[in-house]
Amino acid sequence: MITIVAFLLVCALLGYRVISAVPSLLHTPLMSGMNALSGITVLGSIAIYATAAPEIRWLAGAAMILAIVNVVGGFWVTERMLRMFKHESPEDSEE
């Protein structure tokens, strides 16, 4: 049990270091890639939910809900970041 907790802590710290080193210009493409992976997770959890035994179907349902929340949140963050980088062109200001 201690090994699993230590492994989780090391992975969390390493993940934080990697994410904090990513320049802000790369965050939007990385979010788009993560949205695609979460979409695959949604499809996989739907397939497992359809074929799973009734006793463990709740686990596939939980995975489906969490992956959908991740996809929606990822699109929301991506849209916010794209708005942040959007610049007004001179043609737009003349109107």
PDB file of N, CA and C in Angstrom:
ATOM      1  N   MET A   1       0.819  -1.198   0.000  1.00  0.00           N
ATOM      2  CA  MET A   1       0.000   0.000   0.000  1.00  0.00           C
ATOM      3  C   MET A   1       0.863   1.261   0.000  1.00  0.00           C
ATOM      4  N   ILE A   2       1.924   1.237   0.787  1.00  0.00           N
ATOM      5  CA  ILE A   2       2.811   2.408   0.860  1.00  0.00           C
ATOM      6  C   ILE A   2       3.489   2.633  -0.491  1.00  0.00           C
ATOM      7  N   THR A   3       3.825   1.561  -1.178  1.00  0.00           N
ATOM      8  CA  THR A   3       4.463   1.673  -2.494  1.00  0.00           C
ATOM      9  C   THR A   3       3.525   2.341  -3.489  1.00  0.00           C
ATOM     10  N   ILE A   4       2.246   1.990  -3.446  1.00  0.00           N
ATOM     11  CA  ILE A   4       1.278   2.583  -4.367  1.00  0.00           C
ATOM     12  C   ILE A   4       1.110   4.069  -4.090  1.00  0.00           C
ATOM     13  N   VAL A   5       1.028   4.457  -2.821  1.00  0.00           N
ATOM     14  CA  VAL A   5       0.884   5.866  -2.461  1.00  0.00           C
ATOM     15  C   VAL A   5       2.138   6.642  -2.854  1.00  0.00           C
ATOM     16  N   ALA A   6       3.313   6.066  -2.607  1.00  0.00           N
ATOM     17  CA  ALA A   6       4.561   6.732  -2.992  1.00  0.00           C
ATOM     18  C   ALA A   6       4.630   6.891  -4.512  1.00  0.00           C
ATOM     19  N   PHE A   7       4.234   5.865  -5.244  1.00  0.00           N
ATOM     20  CA  PHE A   7       4.220   5.930  -6.707  1.00  0.00           C
ATOM     21  C   PHE A   7       3.265   7.017  -7.183  1.00  0.00           C
ATOM     22  N   LEU A   8       2.082   7.106  -6.573  1.00  0.00           N
ATOM     23  CA  LEU A   8       1.110   8.143  -6.923  1.00  0.00           C
ATOM     24  C   LEU A   8       1.677   9.539  -6.670  1.00  0.00           C
ATOM     25  N   LEU A   9       2.333   9.735  -5.549  1.00  0.00           N
ATOM     26  CA  LEU A   9       2.916  11.044  -5.235  1.00  0.00           C
ATOM     27  C   LEU A   9       4.030  11.414  -6.210  1.00  0.00           C
ATOM     28  N   VAL A  10       4.891  10.459  -6.534  1.00  0.00           N
ATOM     29  CA  VAL A  10       5.971  10.728  -7.484  1.00  0.00           C
ATOM     30  C   VAL A  10       5.396  11.074  -8.856  1.00  0.00           C
ATOM     31  N   CYS A  11       4.379  10.344  -9.291  1.00  0.00           N
ATOM     32  CA  CYS A  11       3.746  10.633 -10.585  1.00  0.00           C
ATOM     33  C   CYS A  11       3.073  11.997 -10.583  1.00  0.00           C
ATOM     34  N   ALA A  12       2.433  12.357  -9.480  1.00  0.00           N
ATOM     35  CA  ALA A  12       1.782  13.663  -9.388  1.00  0.00           C
ATOM     36  C   ALA A  12       2.817  14.791  -9.454  1.00  0.00           C
ATOM     37  N   LEU A  13       3.914  14.651  -8.734  1.00  0.00           N
ATOM     38  CA  LEU A  13       4.957  15.676  -8.776  1.00  0.00           C
ATOM     39  C   LEU A  13       5.615  15.766 -10.151  1.00  0.00           C
ATOM     40  N   LEU A  14       5.879  14.633 -10.754  1.00  0.00           N
ATOM     41  CA  LEU A  14       6.464  14.624 -12.093  1.00  0.00           C
ATOM     42  C   LEU A  14       5.503  15.240 -13.106  1.00  0.00           C
ATOM     43  N   GLY A  15       4.230  14.897 -13.018  1.00  0.00           N
ATOM     44  CA  GLY A  15       3.226  15.486 -13.912  1.00  0.00           C
ATOM     45  C   GLY A  15       3.138  16.995 -13.740  1.00  0.00           C
ATOM     46  N   TYR A  16       3.199  17.469 -12.504  1.00  0.00           N
ATOM     47  CA  TYR A  16       3.162  18.911 -12.258  1.00  0.00           C
ATOM     48  C   TYR A  16       4.368  19.598 -12.880  1.00  0.00           C
ATOM     49  N   ARG A  17       5.545  18.997 -12.736  1.00  0.00           N
ATOM     50  CA  ARG A  17       6.766  19.584 -13.323  1.00  0.00           C
ATOM     51  C   ARG A  17       6.669  19.638 -14.844  1.00  0.00           C
ATOM     52  N   VAL A  18       6.161  18.575 -15.451  1.00  0.00           N
ATOM     53  CA  VAL A  18       6.062  18.526 -16.912  1.00  0.00           C
ATOM     54  C   VAL A  18       5.057  19.553 -17.405  1.00  0.00           C
ATOM     55  N   ILE A  19       3.887  19.621 -16.773  1.00  0.00           N
ATOM     56  CA  ILE A  19       2.848  20.559 -17.209  1.00  0.00           C
ATOM     57  C   ILE A  19       3.284  22.004 -16.992  1.00  0.00           C
ATOM     58  N   SER A  20       3.959  22.298 -15.890  1.00  0.00           N
ATOM     59  CA  SER A  20       4.373  23.684 -15.637  1.00  0.00           C
ATOM     60  C   SER A  20       5.486  24.128 -16.589  1.00  0.00           C
ATOM     61  N   ALA A  21       6.185  23.196 -17.220  1.00  0.00           N
ATOM     62  CA  ALA A  21       7.257  23.547 -18.149  1.00  0.00           C
ATOM     63  C   ALA A  21       6.742  23.785 -19.570  1.00  0.00           C
ATOM     64  N   VAL A  22       5.461  23.512 -19.827  1.00  0.00           N
ATOM     65  CA  VAL A  22       4.903  23.684 -21.169  1.00  0.00           C
ATOM     66  C   VAL A  22       4.619  25.165 -21.404  1.00  0.00           C
ATOM     67  N   PRO A  23       5.124  25.747 -22.499  1.00  0.00           N
ATOM     68  CA  PRO A  23       4.826  27.146 -22.786  1.00  0.00           C
ATOM     69  C   PRO A  23       3.331  27.353 -23.046  1.00  0.00           C
ATOM     70  N   SER A  24       2.833  28.538 -22.744  1.00  0.00           N
ATOM     71  CA  SER A  24       1.398  28.802 -22.862  1.00  0.00           C
ATOM     72  C   SER A  24       0.902  28.677 -24.299  1.00  0.00           C
ATOM     73  N   LEU A  25       1.758  28.887 -25.284  1.00  0.00           N
ATOM     74  CA  LEU A  25       1.334  28.747 -26.680  1.00  0.00           C
ATOM     75  C   LEU A  25       1.005  27.308 -27.051  1.00  0.00           C
ATOM     76  N   LEU A  26       1.546  26.341 -26.317  1.00  0.00           N
ATOM     77  CA  LEU A  26       1.287  24.935 -26.623  1.00  0.00           C
ATOM     78  C   LEU A  26       0.105  24.358 -25.858  1.00  0.00           C
ATOM     79  N   HIS A  27      -0.469  25.102 -24.932  1.00  0.00           N
ATOM     80  CA  HIS A  27      -1.554  24.558 -24.125  1.00  0.00           C
ATOM     81  C   HIS A  27      -2.776  24.202 -24.965  1.00  0.00           C
ATOM     82  N   THR A  28      -3.144  25.048 -25.926  1.00  0.00           N
ATOM     83  CA  THR A  28      -4.337  24.775 -26.732  1.00  0.00           C
ATOM     84  C   THR A  28      -4.187  23.508 -27.569  1.00  0.00           C
ATOM     85  N   PRO A  29      -3.073  23.299 -28.292  1.00  0.00           N
ATOM     86  CA  PRO A  29      -2.942  22.026 -29.020  1.00  0.00           C
ATOM     87  C   PRO A  29      -2.907  20.812 -28.105  1.00  0.00           C
ATOM     88  N   LEU A  30      -2.300  20.945 -26.936  1.00  0.00           N
ATOM     89  CA  LEU A  30      -2.267  19.825 -26.006  1.00  0.00           C
ATOM     90  C   LEU A  30      -3.662  19.519 -25.471  1.00  0.00           C
ATOM     91  N   MET A  31      -4.462  20.556 -25.212  1.00  0.00           N
ATOM     92  CA  MET A  31      -5.833  20.341 -24.749  1.00  0.00           C
ATOM     93  C   MET A  31      -6.646  19.630 -25.824  1.00  0.00           C
ATOM     94  N   SER A  32      -6.433  19.996 -27.070  1.00  0.00           N
ATOM     95  CA  SER A  32      -7.163  19.340 -28.155  1.00  0.00           C
ATOM     96  C   SER A  32      -6.800  17.859 -28.231  1.00  0.00           C
ATOM     97  N   GLY A  33      -5.539  17.553 -28.048  1.00  0.00           N
ATOM     98  CA  GLY A  33      -5.120  16.154 -28.042  1.00  0.00           C
ATOM     99  C   GLY A  33      -5.719  15.389 -26.875  1.00  0.00           C
ATOM    100  N   MET A  34      -5.780  16.010 -25.712  1.00  0.00           N
ATOM    101  CA  MET A  34      -6.381  15.354 -24.558  1.00  0.00           C
ATOM    102  C   MET A  34      -7.881  15.159 -24.750  1.00  0.00           C
ATOM    103  N   ASN A  35      -8.530  16.104 -25.439  1.00  0.00           N
ATOM    104  CA  ASN A  35      -9.960  15.929 -25.729  1.00  0.00           C
ATOM    105  C   ASN A  35     -10.170  14.710 -26.614  1.00  0.00           C
ATOM    106  N   ALA A  36      -9.289  14.503 -27.571  1.00  0.00           N
ATOM    107  CA  ALA A  36      -9.409  13.326 -28.436  1.00  0.00           C
ATOM    108  C   ALA A  36      -9.227  12.042 -27.630  1.00  0.00           C
ATOM    109  N   LEU A  37      -8.253  12.020 -26.728  1.00  0.00           N
ATOM    110  CA  LEU A  37      -8.056  10.830 -25.891  1.00  0.00           C
ATOM    111  C   LEU A  37      -9.248  10.590 -24.976  1.00  0.00           C
ATOM    112  N   SER A  38      -9.821  11.655 -24.431  1.00  0.00           N
ATOM    113  CA  SER A  38     -10.991  11.487 -23.578  1.00  0.00           C
ATOM    114  C   SER A  38     -12.188  11.010 -24.385  1.00  0.00           C
ATOM    115  N   GLY A  39     -12.287  11.433 -25.641  1.00  0.00           N
ATOM    116  CA  GLY A  39     -13.349  10.934 -26.505  1.00  0.00           C
ATOM    117  C   GLY A  39     -13.223   9.436 -26.728  1.00  0.00           C
ATOM    118  N   ILE A  40     -11.990   8.956 -26.866  1.00  0.00           N
ATOM    119  CA  ILE A  40     -11.761   7.512 -27.003  1.00  0.00           C
ATOM    120  C   ILE A  40     -12.160   6.800 -25.711  1.00  0.00           C
ATOM    121  N   THR A  41     -11.886   7.420 -24.573  1.00  0.00           N
ATOM    122  CA  THR A  41     -12.291   6.850 -23.294  1.00  0.00           C
ATOM    123  C   THR A  41     -13.808   6.754 -23.192  1.00  0.00           C
ATOM    124  N   VAL A  42     -14.516   7.772 -23.675  1.00  0.00           N
ATOM    125  CA  VAL A  42     -15.982   7.737 -23.671  1.00  0.00           C
ATOM    126  C   VAL A  42     -16.476   6.568 -24.513  1.00  0.00           C
ATOM    127  N   LEU A  43     -15.934   6.414 -25.713  1.00  0.00           N
ATOM    128  CA  LEU A  43     -16.359   5.312 -26.576  1.00  0.00           C
ATOM    129  C   LEU A  43     -16.053   3.954 -25.946  1.00  0.00           C
ATOM    130  N   GLY A  44     -14.888   3.827 -25.355  1.00  0.00           N
ATOM    131  CA  GLY A  44     -14.527   2.566 -24.701  1.00  0.00           C
ATOM    132  C   GLY A  44     -15.430   2.252 -23.521  1.00  0.00           C
ATOM    133  N   SER A  45     -15.755   3.274 -22.724  1.00  0.00           N
ATOM    134  CA  SER A  45     -16.624   3.026 -21.571  1.00  0.00           C
ATOM    135  C   SER A  45     -18.052   2.690 -22.008  1.00  0.00           C
ATOM    136  N   ILE A  46     -18.509   3.267 -23.127  1.00  0.00           N
ATOM    137  CA  ILE A  46     -19.832   2.906 -23.653  1.00  0.00           C
ATOM    138  C   ILE A  46     -19.827   1.446 -24.095  1.00  0.00           C
ATOM    139  N   ALA A  47     -18.770   1.027 -24.771  1.00  0.00           N
ATOM    140  CA  ALA A  47     -18.677  -0.365 -25.225  1.00  0.00           C
ATOM    141  C   ALA A  47     -18.621  -1.328 -24.042  1.00  0.00           C
ATOM    142  N   ILE A  48     -17.876  -0.979 -23.021  1.00  0.00           N
ATOM    143  CA  ILE A  48     -17.785  -1.842 -21.843  1.00  0.00           C
ATOM    144  C   ILE A  48     -19.112  -1.867 -21.098  1.00  0.00           C
ATOM    145  N   TYR A  49     -19.768  -0.703 -21.008  1.00  0.00           N
ATOM    146  CA  TYR A  49     -21.064  -0.633 -20.339  1.00  0.00           C
ATOM    147  C   TYR A  49     -22.077  -1.550 -21.024  1.00  0.00           C
ATOM    148  N   ALA A  50     -22.040  -1.600 -22.340  1.00  0.00           N
ATOM    149  CA  ALA A  50     -22.999  -2.415 -23.086  1.00  0.00           C
ATOM    150  C   ALA A  50     -22.758  -3.908 -22.901  1.00  0.00           C
ATOM    151  N   THR A  51     -21.523  -4.304 -22.621  1.00  0.00           N
ATOM    152  CA  THR A  51     -21.209  -5.736 -22.541  1.00  0.00           C
ATOM    153  C   THR A  51     -20.865  -6.212 -21.140  1.00  0.00           C
ATOM    154  N   ALA A  52     -20.811  -5.314 -20.175  1.00  0.00           N
ATOM    155  CA  ALA A  52     -20.361  -5.692 -18.830  1.00  0.00           C
ATOM    156  C   ALA A  52     -21.453  -6.422 -18.064  1.00  0.00           C
ATOM    157  N   ALA A  53     -21.004  -7.166 -17.078  1.00  0.00           N
ATOM    158  CA  ALA A  53     -21.940  -7.825 -16.159  1.00  0.00           C
ATOM    159  C   ALA A  53     -22.645  -6.759 -15.328  1.00  0.00           C
ATOM    160  N   PRO A  54     -23.876  -6.997 -14.951  1.00  0.00           N
ATOM    161  CA  PRO A  54     -24.634  -5.986 -14.191  1.00  0.00           C
ATOM    162  C   PRO A  54     -23.963  -5.553 -12.887  1.00  0.00           C
ATOM    163  N   GLU A  55     -23.181  -6.441 -12.277  1.00  0.00           N
ATOM    164  CA  GLU A  55     -22.542  -6.082 -10.999  1.00  0.00           C
ATOM    165  C   GLU A  55     -21.483  -4.994 -11.155  1.00  0.00           C
ATOM    166  N   ILE A  56     -20.840  -4.937 -12.320  1.00  0.00           N
ATOM    167  CA  ILE A  56     -19.760  -3.955 -12.500  1.00  0.00           C
ATOM    168  C   ILE A  56     -20.122  -2.872 -13.519  1.00  0.00           C
ATOM    169  N   ARG A  57     -21.349  -2.852 -13.944  1.00  0.00           N
ATOM    170  CA  ARG A  57     -21.773  -1.856 -14.921  1.00  0.00           C
ATOM    171  C   ARG A  57     -21.655  -0.436 -14.365  1.00  0.00           C
ATOM    172  N   TRP A  58     -21.802  -0.274 -13.071  1.00  0.00           N
ATOM    173  CA  TRP A  58     -21.698   1.050 -12.463  1.00  0.00           C
ATOM    174  C   TRP A  58     -20.306   1.642 -12.664  1.00  0.00           C
ATOM    175  N   LEU A  59     -19.291   0.797 -12.691  1.00  0.00           N
ATOM    176  CA  LEU A  59     -17.918   1.279 -12.880  1.00  0.00           C
ATOM    177  C   LEU A  59     -17.733   1.855 -14.282  1.00  0.00           C
ATOM    178  N   ALA A  60     -18.287   1.172 -15.287  1.00  0.00           N
ATOM    179  CA  ALA A  60     -18.224   1.693 -16.654  1.00  0.00           C
ATOM    180  C   ALA A  60     -19.043   2.977 -16.774  1.00  0.00           C
ATOM    181  N   GLY A  61     -20.169   3.043 -16.068  1.00  0.00           N
ATOM    182  CA  GLY A  61     -20.981   4.260 -16.075  1.00  0.00           C
ATOM    183  C   GLY A  61     -20.235   5.435 -15.453  1.00  0.00           C
ATOM    184  N   ALA A  62     -19.536   5.184 -14.359  1.00  0.00           N
ATOM    185  CA  ALA A  62     -18.739   6.238 -13.720  1.00  0.00           C
ATOM    186  C   ALA A  62     -17.620   6.704 -14.641  1.00  0.00           C
ATOM    187  N   ALA A  63     -16.967   5.762 -15.326  1.00  0.00           N
ATOM    188  CA  ALA A  63     -15.904   6.124 -16.272  1.00  0.00           C
ATOM    189  C   ALA A  63     -16.473   6.961 -17.410  1.00  0.00           C
ATOM    190  N   MET A  64     -17.664   6.604 -17.869  1.00  0.00           N
ATOM    191  CA  MET A  64     -18.302   7.354 -18.952  1.00  0.00           C
ATOM    192  C   MET A  64     -18.612   8.787 -18.516  1.00  0.00           C
ATOM    193  N   ILE A  65     -19.179   8.944 -17.336  1.00  0.00           N
ATOM    194  CA  ILE A  65     -19.532  10.279 -16.837  1.00  0.00           C
ATOM    195  C   ILE A  65     -18.276  11.135 -16.645  1.00  0.00           C
ATOM    196  N   LEU A  66     -17.242  10.563 -16.032  1.00  0.00           N
ATOM    197  CA  LEU A  66     -16.013  11.324 -15.807  1.00  0.00           C
ATOM    198  C   LEU A  66     -15.330  11.712 -17.115  1.00  0.00           C
ATOM    199  N   ALA A  67     -15.333  10.813 -18.083  1.00  0.00           N
ATOM    200  CA  ALA A  67     -14.722  11.137 -19.376  1.00  0.00           C
ATOM    201  C   ALA A  67     -15.518  12.214 -20.108  1.00  0.00           C
ATOM    202  N   ILE A  68     -16.844  12.173 -20.010  1.00  0.00           N
ATOM    203  CA  ILE A  68     -17.665  13.211 -20.648  1.00  0.00           C
ATOM    204  C   ILE A  68     -17.420  14.560 -19.990  1.00  0.00           C
ATOM    205  N   VAL A  69     -17.312  14.570 -18.668  1.00  0.00           N
ATOM    206  CA  VAL A  69     -16.998  15.819 -17.965  1.00  0.00           C
ATOM    207  C   VAL A  69     -15.643  16.348 -18.421  1.00  0.00           C
ATOM    208  N   ASN A  70     -14.678  15.451 -18.604  1.00  0.00           N
ATOM    209  CA  ASN A  70     -13.348  15.854 -19.053  1.00  0.00           C
ATOM    210  C   ASN A  70     -13.390  16.435 -20.466  1.00  0.00           C
ATOM    211  N   VAL A  71     -14.171  15.828 -21.360  1.00  0.00           N
ATOM    212  CA  VAL A  71     -14.283  16.334 -22.732  1.00  0.00           C
ATOM    213  C   VAL A  71     -14.928  17.719 -22.733  1.00  0.00           C
ATOM    214  N   VAL A  72     -16.023  17.873 -22.013  1.00  0.00           N
ATOM    215  CA  VAL A  72     -16.720  19.168 -21.983  1.00  0.00           C
ATOM    216  C   VAL A  72     -15.821  20.235 -21.373  1.00  0.00           C
ATOM    217  N   GLY A  73     -15.163  19.912 -20.274  1.00  0.00           N
ATOM    218  CA  GLY A  73     -14.246  20.871 -19.652  1.00  0.00           C
ATOM    219  C   GLY A  73     -13.072  21.212 -20.554  1.00  0.00           C
ATOM    220  N   GLY A  74     -12.567  20.230 -21.277  1.00  0.00           N
ATOM    221  CA  GLY A  74     -11.451  20.478 -22.197  1.00  0.00           C
ATOM    222  C   GLY A  74     -11.845  21.406 -23.326  1.00  0.00           C
ATOM    223  N   PHE A  75     -13.043  21.195 -23.899  1.00  0.00           N
ATOM    224  CA  PHE A  75     -13.504  22.096 -24.944  1.00  0.00           C
ATOM    225  C   PHE A  75     -13.744  23.506 -24.399  1.00  0.00           C
ATOM    226  N   TRP A  76     -14.251  23.598 -23.193  1.00  0.00           N
ATOM    227  CA  TRP A  76     -14.491  24.903 -22.579  1.00  0.00           C
ATOM    228  C   TRP A  76     -13.173  25.649 -22.368  1.00  0.00           C
ATOM    229  N   VAL A  77     -12.158  24.957 -21.838  1.00  0.00           N
ATOM    230  CA  VAL A  77     -10.863  25.594 -21.617  1.00  0.00           C
ATOM    231  C   VAL A  77     -10.209  25.965 -22.948  1.00  0.00           C
ATOM    232  N   THR A  78     -10.296  25.084 -23.947  1.00  0.00           N
ATOM    233  CA  THR A  78      -9.726  25.373 -25.262  1.00  0.00           C
ATOM    234  C   THR A  78     -10.373  26.605 -25.873  1.00  0.00           C
ATOM    235  N   GLU A  79     -11.693  26.708 -25.760  1.00  0.00           N
ATOM    236  CA  GLU A  79     -12.401  27.871 -26.309  1.00  0.00           C
ATOM    237  C   GLU A  79     -11.977  29.146 -25.595  1.00  0.00           C
ATOM    238  N   ARG A  80     -11.817  29.088 -24.295  1.00  0.00           N
ATOM    239  CA  ARG A  80     -11.354  30.264 -23.546  1.00  0.00           C
ATOM    240  C   ARG A  80      -9.953  30.681 -23.963  1.00  0.00           C
ATOM    241  N   MET A  81      -9.070  29.692 -24.151  1.00  0.00           N
ATOM    242  CA  MET A  81      -7.697  30.020 -24.539  1.00  0.00           C
ATOM    243  C   MET A  81      -7.648  30.584 -25.950  1.00  0.00           C
ATOM    244  N   LEU A  82      -8.470  30.065 -26.857  1.00  0.00           N
ATOM    245  CA  LEU A  82      -8.494  30.614 -28.217  1.00  0.00           C
ATOM    246  C   LEU A  82      -9.001  32.047 -28.218  1.00  0.00           C
ATOM    247  N   ARG A  83      -9.984  32.344 -27.377  1.00  0.00           N
ATOM    248  CA  ARG A  83     -10.453  33.733 -27.261  1.00  0.00           C
ATOM    249  C   ARG A  83      -9.359  34.628 -26.696  1.00  0.00           C
ATOM    250  N   MET A  84      -8.540  34.103 -25.803  1.00  0.00           N
ATOM    251  CA  MET A  84      -7.477  34.877 -25.189  1.00  0.00           C
ATOM    252  C   MET A  84      -6.416  35.261 -26.226  1.00  0.00           C
ATOM    253  N   PHE A  85      -6.160  34.367 -27.186  1.00  0.00           N
ATOM    254  CA  PHE A  85      -5.134  34.624 -28.188  1.00  0.00           C
ATOM    255  C   PHE A  85      -5.675  35.321 -29.433  1.00  0.00           C
ATOM    256  N   LYS A  86      -6.970  35.528 -29.502  1.00  0.00           N
ATOM    257  CA  LYS A  86      -7.572  36.152 -30.673  1.00  0.00           C
ATOM    258  C   LYS A  86      -7.276  37.655 -30.637  1.00  0.00           C
ATOM    259  N   HIS A  87      -6.774  38.162 -31.761  1.00  0.00           N
ATOM    260  CA  HIS A  87      -6.458  39.590 -31.867  1.00  0.00           C
ATOM    261  C   HIS A  87      -7.461  40.239 -32.805  1.00  0.00           C
ATOM    262  N   GLU A  88      -7.806  41.467 -32.492  1.00  0.00           N
ATOM    263  CA  GLU A  88      -8.739  42.197 -33.344  1.00  0.00           C
ATOM    264  C   GLU A  88      -7.978  42.762 -34.527  1.00  0.00           C
ATOM    265  N   SER A  89      -8.477  42.501 -35.734  1.00  0.00           N
ATOM    266  CA  SER A  89      -7.830  43.010 -36.932  1.00  0.00           C
ATOM    267  C   SER A  89      -8.280  44.433 -37.190  1.00  0.00           C
ATOM    268  N   PRO A  90      -7.500  45.232 -37.942  1.00  0.00           N
ATOM    269  CA  PRO A  90      -7.885  46.627 -38.214  1.00  0.00           C
ATOM    270  C   PRO A  90      -9.211  46.741 -38.964  1.00  0.00           C
ATOM    271  N   GLU A  91      -9.550  45.748 -39.806  1.00  0.00           N
ATOM    272  CA  GLU A  91     -10.814  45.811 -40.532  1.00  0.00           C
ATOM    273  C   GLU A  91     -12.012  45.719 -39.600  1.00  0.00           C
ATOM    274  N   ASP A  92     -11.862  44.968 -38.495  1.00  0.00           N
ATOM    275  CA  ASP A  92     -12.958  44.818 -37.552  1.00  0.00           C
ATOM    276  C   ASP A  92     -13.221  46.105 -36.779  1.00  0.00           C
ATOM    277  N   SER A  93     -12.195  46.909 -36.525  1.00  0.00           N
ATOM    278  CA  SER A  93     -12.360  48.111 -35.721  1.00  0.00           C
ATOM    279  C   SER A  93     -12.990  49.256 -36.512  1.00  0.00           C
ATOM    280  N   GLU A  94     -13.010  49.199 -37.854  1.00  0.00           N
ATOM    281  CA  GLU A  94     -13.580  50.270 -38.656  1.00  0.00           C
ATOM    282  C   GLU A  94     -15.094  50.249 -38.687  1.00  0.00           C
ATOM    283  N   GLU A  95     -15.699  49.148 -38.357  1.00  0.00           N
ATOM    284  CA  GLU A  95     -17.157  49.022 -38.435  1.00  0.00           C
ATOM    285  C   GLU A  95     -17.863  49.714 -37.334  1.00  0.00           C
TER     286      GLU A  95
END
